Amino acid sequence: MKKLLLIFPLGLCITATQAQDQSPNHSTHGSQKWFVGIQAGASFYYVKETFGHAPIRYGGKTGFTAGVVSSAKIGSKFSFMPSLNFTQKGGTYRDGFKLTLNYIELPLNFVYHTNGSSGIFFFGAGPDLAFGVGGTEKFDGQETDIHFGTGDDEYLKPFEFSASILAGYKLRNGLFFAANYNPGISNIATGNAGVSKFHNHGSVFRIGYLFNDTEKTLQ
């Protein structure tokens, strides 16, 4: 299962590359309004949980993220920038407890662009839809698998709704650097195992590349 989760974003990256190469506009930047690319980076998450009536905040956990991104121009300074990523969330707690949660997520960002000295700044926001596909709990040398669901044996719902706040900088060659802040909005606790509230919160830092997007300045 872990191998499949790592292969998934790689396959998406290869698909995005092939689709861009086959695009009829791939050699004519002036008429092109849609770009695809790849991105990867590190995630930094923590958990806010309520166990019974006691609020608990986990410590931070570092994870991995990778996926594909696209950018569709809306006029000269705006774009729609969705992406599909594999992202690790979770947190740590006292005495070495470590929670890792694996998600496939779809952030839907609406982005504003402005010129910089050697590239383009971009800022955006939108909803972030995520689906839990598995995870682990590690404590005292023992590892237990996490299963998402709404049955009596699961304590986390698979679907999560969050906000996405985005900022970044794209160089003239298509390389970009981006940071996301993702506060969890929906309560994903099922009410089982004594957990009444559960929210993921975190930030993600990515390096990516948009194929054939070599725009130097905004027109």
C-alpha atoms as a PDB file:
ATOM      1  CA  MET A   1       0.000   0.000   0.000  1.00  0.00           C
ATOM      2  CA  LYS A   2       2.799   2.424   0.890  1.00  0.00           C
ATOM      3  CA  LYS A   3       4.522   1.743  -2.441  1.00  0.00           C
ATOM      4  CA  LEU A   4       1.300   2.441  -4.326  1.00  0.00           C
ATOM      5  CA  LEU A   5       0.877   5.768  -2.546  1.00  0.00           C
ATOM      6  CA  LEU A   6       4.347   6.843  -3.640  1.00  0.00           C
ATOM      7  CA  ILE A   7       3.904   5.585  -7.221  1.00  0.00           C
ATOM      8  CA  PHE A   8       0.576   7.453  -7.610  1.00  0.00           C
ATOM      9  CA  PRO A   9       1.984  11.025  -7.862  1.00  0.00           C
ATOM     10  CA  LEU A  10       4.839   9.808 -10.077  1.00  0.00           C
ATOM     11  CA  GLY A  11       2.338   8.386 -12.562  1.00  0.00           C
ATOM     12  CA  LEU A  12       0.420  11.658 -12.560  1.00  0.00           C
ATOM     13  CA  CYS A  13       3.622  13.569 -13.278  1.00  0.00           C
ATOM     14  CA  ILE A  14       4.414  11.379 -16.293  1.00  0.00           C
ATOM     15  CA  THR A  15       0.847  11.791 -17.585  1.00  0.00           C
ATOM     16  CA  ALA A  16       1.060  15.574 -17.218  1.00  0.00           C
ATOM     17  CA  THR A  17       4.341  15.695 -19.132  1.00  0.00           C
ATOM     18  CA  GLN A  18       2.967  13.621 -21.998  1.00  0.00           C
ATOM     19  CA  ALA A  19      -0.205  15.704 -22.181  1.00  0.00           C
ATOM     20  CA  GLN A  20       1.805  18.919 -22.374  1.00  0.00           C
ATOM     21  CA  ASP A  21       4.071  17.555 -25.125  1.00  0.00           C
ATOM     22  CA  GLN A  22       1.038  16.573 -27.167  1.00  0.00           C
ATOM     23  CA  SER A  23      -0.697  19.935 -26.786  1.00  0.00           C
ATOM     24  CA  PRO A  24      -1.173  21.707 -30.149  1.00  0.00           C
ATOM     25  CA  ASN A  25      -0.081  24.998 -28.563  1.00  0.00           C
ATOM     26  CA  HIS A  26       3.007  23.725 -26.788  1.00  0.00           C
ATOM     27  CA  SER A  27       5.417  25.645 -29.021  1.00  0.00           C
ATOM     28  CA  THR A  28       3.527  28.933 -29.160  1.00  0.00           C
ATOM     29  CA  HIS A  29       3.563  30.678 -25.821  1.00  0.00           C
ATOM     30  CA  GLY A  30       1.589  33.710 -26.909  1.00  0.00           C
ATOM     31  CA  SER A  31      -1.558  31.729 -27.671  1.00  0.00           C
ATOM     32  CA  GLN A  32      -1.263  29.297 -24.788  1.00  0.00           C
ATOM     33  CA  LYS A  33      -3.579  29.873 -21.838  1.00  0.00           C
ATOM     34  CA  TRP A  34      -3.194  26.572 -19.972  1.00  0.00           C
ATOM     35  CA  PHE A  35      -0.120  24.918 -18.517  1.00  0.00           C
ATOM     36  CA  VAL A  36       0.576  21.724 -16.591  1.00  0.00           C
ATOM     37  CA  GLY A  37       3.487  20.876 -14.347  1.00  0.00           C
ATOM     38  CA  ILE A  38       4.880  18.867 -11.482  1.00  0.00           C
ATOM     39  CA  GLN A  39       5.623  19.762  -7.872  1.00  0.00           C
ATOM     40  CA  ALA A  40       7.017  18.206  -4.698  1.00  0.00           C
ATOM     41  CA  GLY A  41       8.067  19.311  -1.249  1.00  0.00           C
ATOM     42  CA  ALA A  42       7.661  18.960   2.495  1.00  0.00           C
ATOM     43  CA  SER A  43       4.559  19.167   4.675  1.00  0.00           C
ATOM     44  CA  PHE A  44       4.483  20.408   8.281  1.00  0.00           C
ATOM     45  CA  TYR A  45       1.283  19.466  10.111  1.00  0.00           C
ATOM     46  CA  TYR A  46      -0.171  19.230  13.587  1.00  0.00           C
ATOM     47  CA  VAL A  47      -3.499  18.005  14.983  1.00  0.00           C
ATOM     48  CA  LYS A  48      -6.151  19.638  17.148  1.00  0.00           C
ATOM     49  CA  GLU A  49      -8.167  16.918  18.850  1.00  0.00           C
ATOM     50  CA  THR A  50     -10.843  16.806  21.521  1.00  0.00           C
ATOM     51  CA  PHE A  51     -10.832  13.584  23.516  1.00  0.00           C
ATOM     52  CA  GLY A  52     -14.094  13.504  25.455  1.00  0.00           C
ATOM     53  CA  HIS A  53     -14.237  17.116  26.654  1.00  0.00           C
ATOM     54  CA  ALA A  54     -10.463  17.641  26.865  1.00  0.00           C
ATOM     55  CA  PRO A  55      -8.812  19.618  24.024  1.00  0.00           C
ATOM     56  CA  ILE A  56      -5.457  18.191  22.909  1.00  0.00           C
ATOM     57  CA  ARG A  57      -2.952  19.797  20.562  1.00  0.00           C
ATOM     58  CA  TYR A  58      -0.350  17.539  18.991  1.00  0.00           C
ATOM     59  CA  GLY A  59       3.180  18.645  18.174  1.00  0.00           C
ATOM     60  CA  GLY A  60       4.345  19.154  14.617  1.00  0.00           C
ATOM     61  CA  LYS A  61       5.185  16.399  12.149  1.00  0.00           C
ATOM     62  CA  THR A  62       7.204  16.651   8.938  1.00  0.00           C
ATOM     63  CA  GLY A  63       5.955  14.708   5.909  1.00  0.00           C
ATOM     64  CA  PHE A  64       6.192  14.455   2.133  1.00  0.00           C
ATOM     65  CA  THR A  65       4.052  15.793  -0.705  1.00  0.00           C
ATOM     66  CA  ALA A  66       4.151  15.377  -4.503  1.00  0.00           C
ATOM     67  CA  GLY A  67       1.750  15.751  -7.391  1.00  0.00           C
ATOM     68  CA  VAL A  68       0.727  17.596 -10.520  1.00  0.00           C
ATOM     69  CA  VAL A  69      -0.405  21.198 -10.946  1.00  0.00           C
ATOM     70  CA  SER A  70      -2.117  23.141 -13.697  1.00  0.00           C
ATOM     71  CA  SER A  71      -2.618  26.837 -14.368  1.00  0.00           C
ATOM     72  CA  ALA A  72      -5.393  28.251 -16.558  1.00  0.00           C
ATOM     73  CA  LYS A  73      -5.170  31.958 -17.327  1.00  0.00           C
ATOM     74  CA  ILE A  74      -8.143  34.212 -16.625  1.00  0.00           C
ATOM     75  CA  GLY A  75      -7.193  37.522 -18.198  1.00  0.00           C
ATOM     76  CA  SER A  76      -3.693  38.941 -17.788  1.00  0.00           C
ATOM     77  CA  LYS A  77      -3.298  38.860 -13.994  1.00  0.00           C
ATOM     78  CA  PHE A  78      -5.545  36.061 -12.756  1.00  0.00           C
ATOM     79  CA  SER A  79      -5.587  32.300 -13.133  1.00  0.00           C
ATOM     80  CA  PHE A  80      -7.269  29.167 -11.846  1.00  0.00           C
ATOM     81  CA  MET A  81      -4.622  26.865 -10.351  1.00  0.00           C
ATOM     82  CA  PRO A  82      -5.861  23.424  -9.250  1.00  0.00           C
ATOM     83  CA  SER A  83      -3.534  20.586  -8.312  1.00  0.00           C
ATOM     84  CA  LEU A  84      -3.736  16.926  -7.337  1.00  0.00           C
ATOM     85  CA  ASN A  85      -1.317  15.844  -4.625  1.00  0.00           C
ATOM     86  CA  PHE A  86      -0.341  13.068  -2.286  1.00  0.00           C
ATOM     87  CA  THR A  87       0.235  14.752   1.092  1.00  0.00           C
ATOM     88  CA  GLN A  88       1.180  13.426   4.518  1.00  0.00           C
ATOM     89  CA  LYS A  89      -0.456  15.001   7.568  1.00  0.00           C
ATOM     90  CA  GLY A  90      -0.684  14.103  11.250  1.00  0.00           C
ATOM     91  CA  GLY A  91       1.273  15.054  14.351  1.00  0.00           C
ATOM     92  CA  THR A  92       3.350  13.930  17.303  1.00  0.00           C
ATOM     93  CA  TYR A  93       2.502  13.658  20.984  1.00  0.00           C
ATOM     94  CA  ARG A  94       4.276  13.081  24.273  1.00  0.00           C
ATOM     95  CA  ASP A  95       6.315   9.937  24.963  1.00  0.00           C
ATOM     96  CA  GLY A  96       7.158   9.432  21.283  1.00  0.00           C
ATOM     97  CA  PHE A  97       3.645   8.934  19.857  1.00  0.00           C
ATOM     98  CA  LYS A  98       3.628   9.675  16.110  1.00  0.00           C
ATOM     99  CA  LEU A  99       0.560   9.852  13.860  1.00  0.00           C
ATOM    100  CA  THR A 100       0.976   9.786  10.067  1.00  0.00           C
ATOM    101  CA  LEU A 101      -2.095  10.351   7.862  1.00  0.00           C
ATOM    102  CA  ASN A 102      -1.876   9.960   4.060  1.00  0.00           C
ATOM    103  CA  TYR A 103      -4.193  11.991   1.850  1.00  0.00           C
ATOM    104  CA  ILE A 104      -4.979  12.526  -1.805  1.00  0.00           C
ATOM    105  CA  GLU A 105      -5.926  16.193  -1.975  1.00  0.00           C
ATOM    106  CA  LEU A 106      -7.378  18.581  -4.544  1.00  0.00           C
ATOM    107  CA  PRO A 107      -6.765  22.282  -3.765  1.00  0.00           C
ATOM    108  CA  LEU A 108      -8.677  24.641  -6.064  1.00  0.00           C
ATOM    109  CA  ASN A 109      -6.868  27.972  -5.927  1.00  0.00           C
ATOM    110  CA  PHE A 110      -7.870  31.218  -7.632  1.00  0.00           C
ATOM    111  CA  VAL A 111      -4.656  33.172  -8.100  1.00  0.00           C
ATOM    112  CA  TYR A 112      -3.564  36.784  -8.626  1.00  0.00           C
ATOM    113  CA  HIS A 113      -0.224  37.490 -10.394  1.00  0.00           C
ATOM    114  CA  THR A 114       2.035  40.528 -10.226  1.00  0.00           C
ATOM    115  CA  ASN A 115       5.460  41.296 -11.729  1.00  0.00           C
ATOM    116  CA  GLY A 116       8.688  40.812  -9.786  1.00  0.00           C
ATOM    117  CA  SER A 117      12.272  41.731 -10.643  1.00  0.00           C
ATOM    118  CA  SER A 118      13.097  38.393 -12.318  1.00  0.00           C
ATOM    119  CA  GLY A 119       9.759  36.612 -12.450  1.00  0.00           C
ATOM    120  CA  ILE A 120       6.176  36.721 -11.264  1.00  0.00           C
ATOM    121  CA  PHE A 121       4.721  36.701  -7.747  1.00  0.00           C
ATOM    122  CA  PHE A 122       1.425  34.882  -7.232  1.00  0.00           C
ATOM    123  CA  PHE A 123      -1.084  34.848  -4.368  1.00  0.00           C
ATOM    124  CA  GLY A 124      -4.255  32.813  -4.110  1.00  0.00           C
ATOM    125  CA  ALA A 125      -6.871  31.048  -2.058  1.00  0.00           C
ATOM    126  CA  GLY A 126      -9.614  28.491  -2.440  1.00  0.00           C
ATOM    127  CA  PRO A 127     -11.103  25.294  -1.029  1.00  0.00           C
ATOM    128  CA  ASP A 128      -9.024  22.163  -0.450  1.00  0.00           C
ATOM    129  CA  LEU A 129     -10.751  18.775  -0.787  1.00  0.00           C
ATOM    130  CA  ALA A 130      -8.894  15.782   0.640  1.00  0.00           C
ATOM    131  CA  PHE A 131      -9.547  12.049   0.987  1.00  0.00           C
ATOM    132  CA  GLY A 132      -7.742   9.907   3.533  1.00  0.00           C
ATOM    133  CA  VAL A 133      -6.222   6.730   2.115  1.00  0.00           C
ATOM    134  CA  GLY A 134      -4.423   5.319   5.140  1.00  0.00           C
ATOM    135  CA  GLY A 135      -1.828   5.981   7.776  1.00  0.00           C
ATOM    136  CA  THR A 136      -0.038   4.682  10.853  1.00  0.00           C
ATOM    137  CA  GLU A 137       0.235   5.208  14.592  1.00  0.00           C
ATOM    138  CA  LYS A 138       3.678   4.571  16.099  1.00  0.00           C
ATOM    139  CA  PHE A 139       4.245   4.250  19.838  1.00  0.00           C
ATOM    140  CA  ASP A 140       6.836   2.455  21.959  1.00  0.00           C
ATOM    141  CA  GLY A 141       8.258   0.629  18.961  1.00  0.00           C
ATOM    142  CA  GLN A 142       4.862  -0.639  17.794  1.00  0.00           C
ATOM    143  CA  GLU A 143       3.160   0.422  14.561  1.00  0.00           C
ATOM    144  CA  THR A 144      -0.594   0.202  13.925  1.00  0.00           C
ATOM    145  CA  ASP A 145      -2.352   0.907  10.634  1.00  0.00           C
ATOM    146  CA  ILE A 146      -4.966   3.669  10.457  1.00  0.00           C
ATOM    147  CA  HIS A 147      -8.117   2.968   8.435  1.00  0.00           C
ATOM    148  CA  PHE A 148     -10.446   5.807   7.469  1.00  0.00           C
ATOM    149  CA  GLY A 149     -14.202   5.171   7.549  1.00  0.00           C
ATOM    150  CA  THR A 150     -17.445   5.711   9.424  1.00  0.00           C
ATOM    151  CA  GLY A 151     -17.883   2.239  10.922  1.00  0.00           C
ATOM    152  CA  ASP A 152     -17.572   1.214  14.554  1.00  0.00           C
ATOM    153  CA  ASP A 153     -13.862   0.384  14.157  1.00  0.00           C
ATOM    154  CA  GLU A 154     -12.744   3.712  12.646  1.00  0.00           C
ATOM    155  CA  TYR A 155     -12.390   7.060  14.372  1.00  0.00           C
ATOM    156  CA  LEU A 156     -11.542   9.286  11.353  1.00  0.00           C
ATOM    157  CA  LYS A 157     -13.808  10.115   8.423  1.00  0.00           C
ATOM    158  CA  PRO A 158     -12.114   9.833   5.004  1.00  0.00           C
ATOM    159  CA  PHE A 159     -13.304  13.165   3.552  1.00  0.00           C
ATOM    160  CA  GLU A 160     -11.748  16.396   4.805  1.00  0.00           C
ATOM    161  CA  PHE A 161     -12.567  19.978   3.818  1.00  0.00           C
ATOM    162  CA  SER A 162      -9.916  22.649   4.388  1.00  0.00           C
ATOM    163  CA  ALA A 163      -9.019  26.128   3.226  1.00  0.00           C
ATOM    164  CA  SER A 164      -6.024  26.726   0.967  1.00  0.00           C
ATOM    165  CA  ILE A 165      -3.998  29.948   1.179  1.00  0.00           C
ATOM    166  CA  LEU A 166      -1.225  30.151  -1.407  1.00  0.00           C
ATOM    167  CA  ALA A 167       1.789  32.376  -2.074  1.00  0.00           C
ATOM    168  CA  GLY A 168       4.708  31.843  -4.410  1.00  0.00           C
ATOM    169  CA  TYR A 169       7.174  33.057  -7.002  1.00  0.00           C
ATOM    170  CA  LYS A 170       7.671  31.788 -10.577  1.00  0.00           C
ATOM    171  CA  LEU A 171      10.950  32.306 -12.412  1.00  0.00           C
ATOM    172  CA  ARG A 172      11.177  33.040 -16.133  1.00  0.00           C
ATOM    173  CA  ASN A 173      12.065  29.432 -16.976  1.00  0.00           C
ATOM    174  CA  GLY A 174       8.864  28.008 -15.424  1.00  0.00           C
ATOM    175  CA  LEU A 175      10.417  26.957 -12.116  1.00  0.00           C
ATOM    176  CA  PHE A 176       8.360  28.082  -9.123  1.00  0.00           C
ATOM    177  CA  PHE A 177       8.452  28.074  -5.329  1.00  0.00           C
ATOM    178  CA  ALA A 178       5.205  28.016  -3.361  1.00  0.00           C
ATOM    179  CA  ALA A 179       3.922  27.862   0.207  1.00  0.00           C
ATOM    180  CA  ASN A 180       0.447  26.750   1.284  1.00  0.00           C
ATOM    181  CA  TYR A 181      -1.303  27.212   4.612  1.00  0.00           C
ATOM    182  CA  ASN A 182      -4.120  24.691   5.084  1.00  0.00           C
ATOM    183  CA  PRO A 183      -6.321  25.088   8.177  1.00  0.00           C
ATOM    184  CA  GLY A 184      -8.750  22.186   8.569  1.00  0.00           C
ATOM    185  CA  ILE A 185     -12.411  23.223   8.613  1.00  0.00           C
ATOM    186  CA  SER A 186     -14.431  20.008   8.757  1.00  0.00           C
ATOM    187  CA  ASN A 187     -14.461  17.841  11.870  1.00  0.00           C
ATOM    188  CA  ILE A 188     -13.285  14.407  10.693  1.00  0.00           C
ATOM    189  CA  ALA A 189     -13.849  12.576  13.988  1.00  0.00           C
ATOM    190  CA  THR A 190     -16.491   9.836  13.807  1.00  0.00           C
ATOM    191  CA  GLY A 191     -17.180  10.026  17.553  1.00  0.00           C
ATOM    192  CA  ASN A 192     -15.655   6.589  18.156  1.00  0.00           C
ATOM    193  CA  ALA A 193     -12.751   5.816  20.528  1.00  0.00           C
ATOM    194  CA  GLY A 194     -13.646   8.840  22.660  1.00  0.00           C
ATOM    195  CA  VAL A 195     -12.571  11.360  19.989  1.00  0.00           C
ATOM    196  CA  SER A 196     -15.247  14.017  19.455  1.00  0.00           C
ATOM    197  CA  LYS A 197     -13.287  16.537  17.340  1.00  0.00           C
ATOM    198  CA  PHE A 198     -10.299  16.150  15.029  1.00  0.00           C
ATOM    199  CA  HIS A 199      -8.771  18.754  12.704  1.00  0.00           C
ATOM    200  CA  ASN A 200      -5.568  18.757  10.653  1.00  0.00           C
ATOM    201  CA  HIS A 201      -3.716  22.084  10.363  1.00  0.00           C
ATOM    202  CA  GLY A 202      -0.476  22.729   8.569  1.00  0.00           C
ATOM    203  CA  SER A 203       1.748  24.299   5.959  1.00  0.00           C
ATOM    204  CA  VAL A 204       3.311  22.881   2.803  1.00  0.00           C
ATOM    205  CA  PHE A 205       6.383  24.152   0.941  1.00  0.00           C
ATOM    206  CA  ARG A 206       6.825  23.056  -2.674  1.00  0.00           C
ATOM    207  CA  ILE A 207       9.170  23.420  -5.622  1.00  0.00           C
ATOM    208  CA  GLY A 208       7.570  22.902  -9.013  1.00  0.00           C
ATOM    209  CA  TYR A 209       7.875  23.404 -12.727  1.00  0.00           C
ATOM    210  CA  LEU A 210       5.243  24.519 -15.254  1.00  0.00           C
ATOM    211  CA  PHE A 211       6.110  23.148 -18.688  1.00  0.00           C
ATOM    212  CA  ASN A 212       6.581  25.782 -21.416  1.00  0.00           C
ATOM    213  CA  ASP A 213       5.490  28.633 -19.115  1.00  0.00           C
ATOM    214  CA  THR A 214       8.378  30.985 -19.858  1.00  0.00           C
ATOM    215  CA  GLU A 215       6.454  34.239 -19.507  1.00  0.00           C
ATOM    216  CA  LYS A 216       8.918  36.910 -18.338  1.00  0.00           C
ATOM    217  CA  THR A 217       6.466  39.648 -17.360  1.00  0.00           C
ATOM    218  CA  LEU A 218       2.729  40.168 -17.294  1.00  0.00           C
ATOM    219  CA  GLN A 219       1.293  42.062 -20.223  1.00  0.00           C
END
